[in-house]
Amino acid sequence: MLTYSEFGPADAPITLIVHGLYGSGRNWGVIAKRLSDDLRVITPDLRNHGQSPWDDSHSYADMAADLAALIRHLGAPAHVVGHSMGGKAAMVLAHRHPELVGRLIVADIAPVAYSHSQIQFIHAMRAVDLTTVTRRSDAEAQLGAQGVEPALQSFFTQSLDVAEKRWRLNLDTLAAEMDRILGFPELDGQFDGPALFLSGADSDYVTADHRPRIKSLFPRARFAKLPGAGHWLHADKPREFEATVRTFLTAQ
């Protein structure tokens, strides 16, 4: 079972927020707390991330099965919000287990394969000499020396257990499975529920060319962009992201 945190009243509509690659549920704590006045928000750690179990596989089918098991444990169905890799997992979940998903929000990702590898960040994290790290800023400095930008330094070190001197990321499996993470599985049929594809206006992850593929898999898909936001749209424009999510998920 995935490890998760929970926010909001037990009788409110269940909403999963699914993080992206190298993240964890804790990255979404602030937004989850803000949404919890209307929703019962669940922020899981995906497999090989955070406090959840590690496995040799990191396929989207496996991640979707993990999320399906969590939703059944909580009491189905649930709204699902997924960012980046978490958005891909959410799309596969909606297709394979449509009875478990109410409304779907996919944040800045499309159901396609991407070519920009994220393996360089695994190399950077592996290169950190954890024996010398006594605080997160020590690791950030080492990441910075390797050319990792400050925002990503802070993001990555949220998954660093300083006391145990280890990453809460299964870097070996994530490296071995990078091609699957960047790719996207073939899906049959359609998810007929309400779906919102929310993108950063300054991001190129979701383009007009992707829309026919999205509509073929999610015929009720709607599209929106957050001005002034890039791929990390929830970090760039947290209030606007929160407001858009709230409006879509609580619509009658």
Protein backbone atom coordinates (compact mmCIF):
# COMPACT_ATOMS: atom_id res chain seq x y z
CA MET A 1 0.00 0.00 0.00
CA LEU A 2 1.23 3.48 -0.83
CA THR A 3 2.07 5.81 2.02
CA TYR A 4 -0.09 8.94 2.04
CA SER A 5 -1.10 12.03 3.99
CA GLU A 6 -4.69 13.13 4.40
CA PHE A 7 -6.28 16.58 4.71
CA GLY A 8 -9.88 17.64 5.23
CA PRO A 9 -13.11 16.13 6.57
CA ALA A 10 -13.67 12.39 6.19
CA ASP A 11 -17.09 12.91 4.58
CA ALA A 12 -15.89 15.30 1.85
CA PRO A 13 -15.30 14.12 -1.74
CA ILE A 14 -12.03 12.21 -1.99
CA THR A 15 -9.35 13.81 -4.15
CA LEU A 16 -5.95 12.28 -4.88
CA ILE A 17 -3.07 14.56 -5.84
CA VAL A 18 -0.38 12.52 -7.59
CA HIS A 19 3.13 13.99 -7.68
CA GLY A 20 5.67 13.85 -10.50
CA LEU A 21 9.11 12.32 -10.93
CA TYR A 22 11.52 12.82 -7.99
CA GLY A 23 8.68 14.29 -5.93
CA SER A 24 6.52 13.11 -3.06
CA GLY A 25 3.18 13.83 -1.50
CA ARG A 26 4.79 16.39 0.83
CA ASN A 27 5.44 18.67 -2.17
CA TRP A 28 1.68 19.22 -2.32
CA GLY A 29 1.02 19.87 1.37
CA VAL A 30 0.24 23.57 1.10
CA ILE A 31 -2.16 23.21 -1.82
CA ALA A 32 -3.76 20.15 -0.20
CA LYS A 33 -4.41 22.10 3.01
CA ARG A 34 -5.99 24.95 1.06
CA LEU A 35 -8.28 22.60 -0.85
CA SER A 36 -9.23 20.65 2.26
CA ASP A 37 -12.05 23.02 3.23
CA ASP A 38 -14.06 21.56 0.31
CA LEU A 39 -12.37 18.21 -0.28
CA ARG A 40 -10.83 15.22 1.48
CA VAL A 41 -7.38 15.48 -0.09
CA ILE A 42 -5.01 12.52 -0.23
CA THR A 43 -1.35 13.05 -1.18
CA PRO A 44 0.31 9.67 -1.78
CA ASP A 45 3.96 8.90 -2.37
CA LEU A 46 4.22 6.88 -5.57
CA ARG A 47 6.25 3.67 -5.58
CA ASN A 48 10.02 4.27 -5.46
CA HIS A 49 9.38 7.73 -4.00
CA GLY A 50 9.06 9.14 -0.50
CA GLN A 51 7.98 6.68 2.18
CA SER A 52 6.26 4.22 -0.18
CA PRO A 53 7.67 0.77 -0.97
CA TRP A 54 10.42 0.32 -3.53
CA ASP A 55 10.10 -2.06 -6.46
CA ASP A 56 12.15 -3.06 -9.51
CA SER A 57 9.32 -1.90 -11.81
CA HIS A 58 8.18 1.66 -12.38
CA SER A 59 5.66 1.15 -15.19
CA TYR A 60 2.52 3.23 -15.54
CA ALA A 61 0.43 0.07 -15.33
CA ASP A 62 1.97 -0.67 -11.93
CA MET A 63 1.58 2.92 -10.71
CA ALA A 64 -2.06 2.92 -11.83
CA ALA A 65 -2.66 -0.37 -10.00
CA ASP A 66 -1.11 1.11 -6.85
CA LEU A 67 -3.43 4.12 -7.06
CA ALA A 68 -6.44 1.90 -7.71
CA ALA A 69 -5.66 -0.13 -4.59
CA LEU A 70 -5.36 3.08 -2.56
CA ILE A 71 -8.70 4.43 -3.83
CA ARG A 72 -10.41 1.14 -2.98
CA HIS A 73 -8.87 1.33 0.49
CA LEU A 74 -10.17 4.89 0.94
CA GLY A 75 -13.61 4.26 -0.54
CA ALA A 76 -14.12 4.80 -4.25
CA PRO A 77 -14.56 6.74 -6.41
CA ALA A 78 -12.12 9.65 -6.14
CA HIS A 79 -11.25 12.72 -8.13
CA VAL A 80 -7.65 12.50 -9.33
CA VAL A 81 -5.17 15.32 -10.00
CA GLY A 82 -1.84 14.27 -11.48
CA HIS A 83 1.19 16.36 -12.41
CA SER A 84 3.77 15.31 -15.03
CA MET A 85 4.66 11.63 -14.39
CA GLY A 86 1.78 11.57 -11.90
CA GLY A 87 -0.48 12.87 -14.65
CA LYS A 88 0.48 9.96 -16.87
CA ALA A 89 -0.20 7.53 -14.03
CA ALA A 90 -3.56 9.23 -13.47
CA MET A 91 -4.49 8.90 -17.15
CA VAL A 92 -3.71 5.17 -17.14
CA LEU A 93 -5.68 4.79 -13.90
CA ALA A 94 -8.70 6.50 -15.44
CA HIS A 95 -8.58 4.24 -18.51
CA ARG A 96 -8.02 0.97 -16.68
CA HIS A 97 -10.25 1.67 -13.68
CA PRO A 98 -12.82 4.25 -14.83
CA GLU A 99 -15.23 3.21 -12.07
CA LEU A 100 -12.74 4.53 -9.51
CA VAL A 101 -12.28 8.01 -11.01
CA GLY A 102 -14.77 10.84 -10.78
CA ARG A 103 -13.17 13.93 -12.29
CA LEU A 104 -9.66 13.93 -13.73
CA ILE A 105 -7.17 16.80 -13.87
CA VAL A 106 -3.94 16.27 -15.80
CA ALA A 107 -1.39 18.98 -15.06
CA ASP A 108 1.07 19.85 -17.85
CA ILE A 109 1.57 16.48 -19.50
CA ALA A 110 0.10 14.67 -22.51
CA PRO A 111 -0.47 10.95 -23.23
CA VAL A 112 2.62 10.78 -25.45
CA ALA A 113 6.29 9.86 -25.23
CA TYR A 114 8.81 12.61 -24.51
CA SER A 115 12.46 12.80 -25.53
CA HIS A 116 13.92 15.05 -22.82
CA SER A 117 15.53 12.62 -20.39
CA GLN A 118 15.66 13.36 -16.68
CA ILE A 119 18.58 10.98 -16.09
CA GLN A 120 21.04 13.84 -15.53
CA PHE A 121 19.36 14.59 -12.21
CA ILE A 122 19.87 11.01 -11.04
CA HIS A 123 23.55 11.40 -11.86
CA ALA A 124 23.62 14.65 -9.86
CA MET A 125 21.93 13.12 -6.82
CA ARG A 126 24.19 10.08 -6.93
CA ALA A 127 27.22 12.37 -7.00
CA VAL A 128 26.30 14.06 -3.71
CA ASP A 129 28.65 12.87 -0.97
CA LEU A 130 26.05 12.13 1.67
CA THR A 131 28.68 11.35 4.30
CA THR A 132 29.48 15.08 4.42
CA VAL A 133 25.85 16.26 4.54
CA THR A 134 24.58 17.49 7.91
CA ARG A 135 21.79 19.71 6.58
CA ARG A 136 19.88 20.03 3.34
CA SER A 137 21.80 23.14 2.37
CA ASP A 138 24.97 21.03 2.19
CA ALA A 139 23.37 18.80 -0.44
CA GLU A 140 21.96 21.82 -2.27
CA ALA A 141 25.45 23.28 -2.50
CA GLN A 142 26.80 20.07 -4.00
CA LEU A 143 23.93 19.93 -6.49
CA GLY A 144 24.54 23.57 -7.38
CA ALA A 145 28.19 22.83 -8.06
CA GLN A 146 26.98 20.35 -10.68
CA GLY A 147 24.85 22.98 -12.41
CA VAL A 148 21.46 22.13 -10.89
CA GLU A 149 19.38 25.30 -10.66
CA PRO A 150 18.34 26.56 -7.20
CA ALA A 151 14.63 25.71 -7.52
CA LEU A 152 15.46 22.10 -8.38
CA GLN A 153 18.08 21.90 -5.63
CA SER A 154 15.36 22.69 -3.10
CA PHE A 155 12.90 20.31 -4.76
CA PHE A 156 15.29 17.35 -4.84
CA THR A 157 16.46 17.77 -1.26
CA GLN A 158 12.88 17.48 -0.03
CA SER A 159 13.44 13.79 -0.80
CA LEU A 160 16.67 13.63 1.20
CA ASP A 161 16.71 11.95 4.60
CA VAL A 162 19.56 13.89 6.20
CA ALA A 163 19.58 11.87 9.42
CA GLU A 164 19.77 8.54 7.57
CA LYS A 165 22.03 10.01 4.87
CA ARG A 166 20.01 8.55 2.02
CA TRP A 167 17.68 9.63 -0.74
CA ARG A 168 14.02 8.68 -0.36
CA LEU A 169 14.10 7.84 -4.06
CA ASN A 170 14.94 4.50 -5.62
CA LEU A 171 17.48 6.02 -7.97
CA ASP A 172 18.59 2.66 -9.38
CA THR A 173 15.10 1.65 -10.50
CA LEU A 174 14.22 5.14 -11.74
CA ALA A 175 17.38 5.15 -13.86
CA ALA A 176 16.70 1.65 -15.22
CA GLU A 177 13.07 2.53 -15.99
CA MET A 178 13.67 6.02 -17.44
CA ASP A 179 12.60 5.00 -20.96
CA ARG A 180 9.26 3.76 -19.60
CA ILE A 181 8.83 6.92 -17.53
CA LEU A 182 9.41 9.13 -20.57
CA GLY A 183 7.16 6.94 -22.71
CA PHE A 184 3.45 6.21 -22.50
CA PRO A 185 1.63 2.89 -22.88
CA GLU A 186 -0.92 2.09 -25.54
CA LEU A 187 -4.45 2.53 -24.21
CA ASP A 188 -7.65 1.02 -25.55
CA GLY A 189 -11.05 2.69 -25.33
CA GLN A 190 -11.90 5.99 -23.72
CA PHE A 191 -12.39 7.56 -20.32
CA ASP A 192 -15.78 9.21 -20.58
CA GLY A 193 -15.66 11.20 -17.35
CA PRO A 194 -14.96 14.93 -17.03
CA ALA A 195 -11.30 15.72 -17.66
CA LEU A 196 -9.31 18.95 -17.53
CA PHE A 197 -5.89 19.26 -19.11
CA LEU A 198 -4.34 22.20 -17.30
CA SER A 199 -1.05 23.51 -18.65
CA GLY A 200 1.45 26.25 -17.94
CA ALA A 201 1.23 28.89 -20.66
CA ASP A 202 5.04 29.07 -20.74
CA SER A 203 5.47 25.28 -20.96
CA ASP A 204 5.86 23.22 -24.13
CA TYR A 205 4.84 19.90 -22.61
CA VAL A 206 1.29 20.07 -24.01
CA THR A 207 0.90 21.49 -27.51
CA ALA A 208 -1.92 21.91 -29.99
CA ASP A 209 -0.56 18.85 -31.81
CA HIS A 210 -1.33 16.73 -28.75
CA ARG A 211 -5.00 17.66 -28.60
CA PRO A 212 -6.34 15.09 -31.11
CA ARG A 213 -4.65 12.29 -29.16
CA ILE A 214 -6.00 13.64 -25.89
CA LYS A 215 -9.54 13.95 -27.26
CA SER A 216 -9.42 10.42 -28.69
CA LEU A 217 -8.68 9.02 -25.22
CA PHE A 218 -10.62 11.58 -23.16
CA PRO A 219 -13.55 12.76 -25.30
CA ARG A 220 -14.84 15.14 -22.59
CA ALA A 221 -11.45 16.78 -22.16
CA ARG A 222 -11.33 20.52 -21.64
CA PHE A 223 -8.17 22.59 -21.91
CA ALA A 224 -6.90 25.54 -19.88
CA LYS A 225 -3.62 27.38 -19.45
CA LEU A 226 -2.23 29.30 -16.48
CA PRO A 227 -0.58 32.55 -17.66
CA GLY A 228 2.95 33.07 -16.42
CA ALA A 229 3.41 29.41 -15.42
CA GLY A 230 5.81 26.81 -16.74
CA HIS A 231 5.87 23.05 -16.27
CA TRP A 232 5.84 23.44 -12.46
CA LEU A 233 2.60 25.38 -12.74
CA HIS A 234 1.47 24.62 -9.18
CA ALA A 235 4.70 26.14 -7.85
CA ASP A 236 4.77 29.07 -10.29
CA LYS A 237 1.13 30.07 -9.75
CA PRO A 238 -0.12 28.22 -6.64
CA ARG A 239 -3.18 30.38 -5.97
CA GLU A 240 -4.34 30.27 -9.58
CA PHE A 241 -3.69 26.52 -9.75
CA GLU A 242 -5.65 25.95 -6.55
CA ALA A 243 -8.57 28.07 -7.74
CA THR A 244 -8.77 26.24 -11.08
CA VAL A 245 -8.63 22.83 -9.44
CA ARG A 246 -11.26 23.79 -6.88
CA THR A 247 -13.64 25.16 -9.52
CA PHE A 248 -13.38 22.07 -11.71
CA LEU A 249 -13.66 19.51 -8.95
CA THR A 250 -16.56 21.13 -7.10
CA ALA A 251 -18.64 21.97 -10.19
CA GLN A 252 -22.19 20.63 -10.10
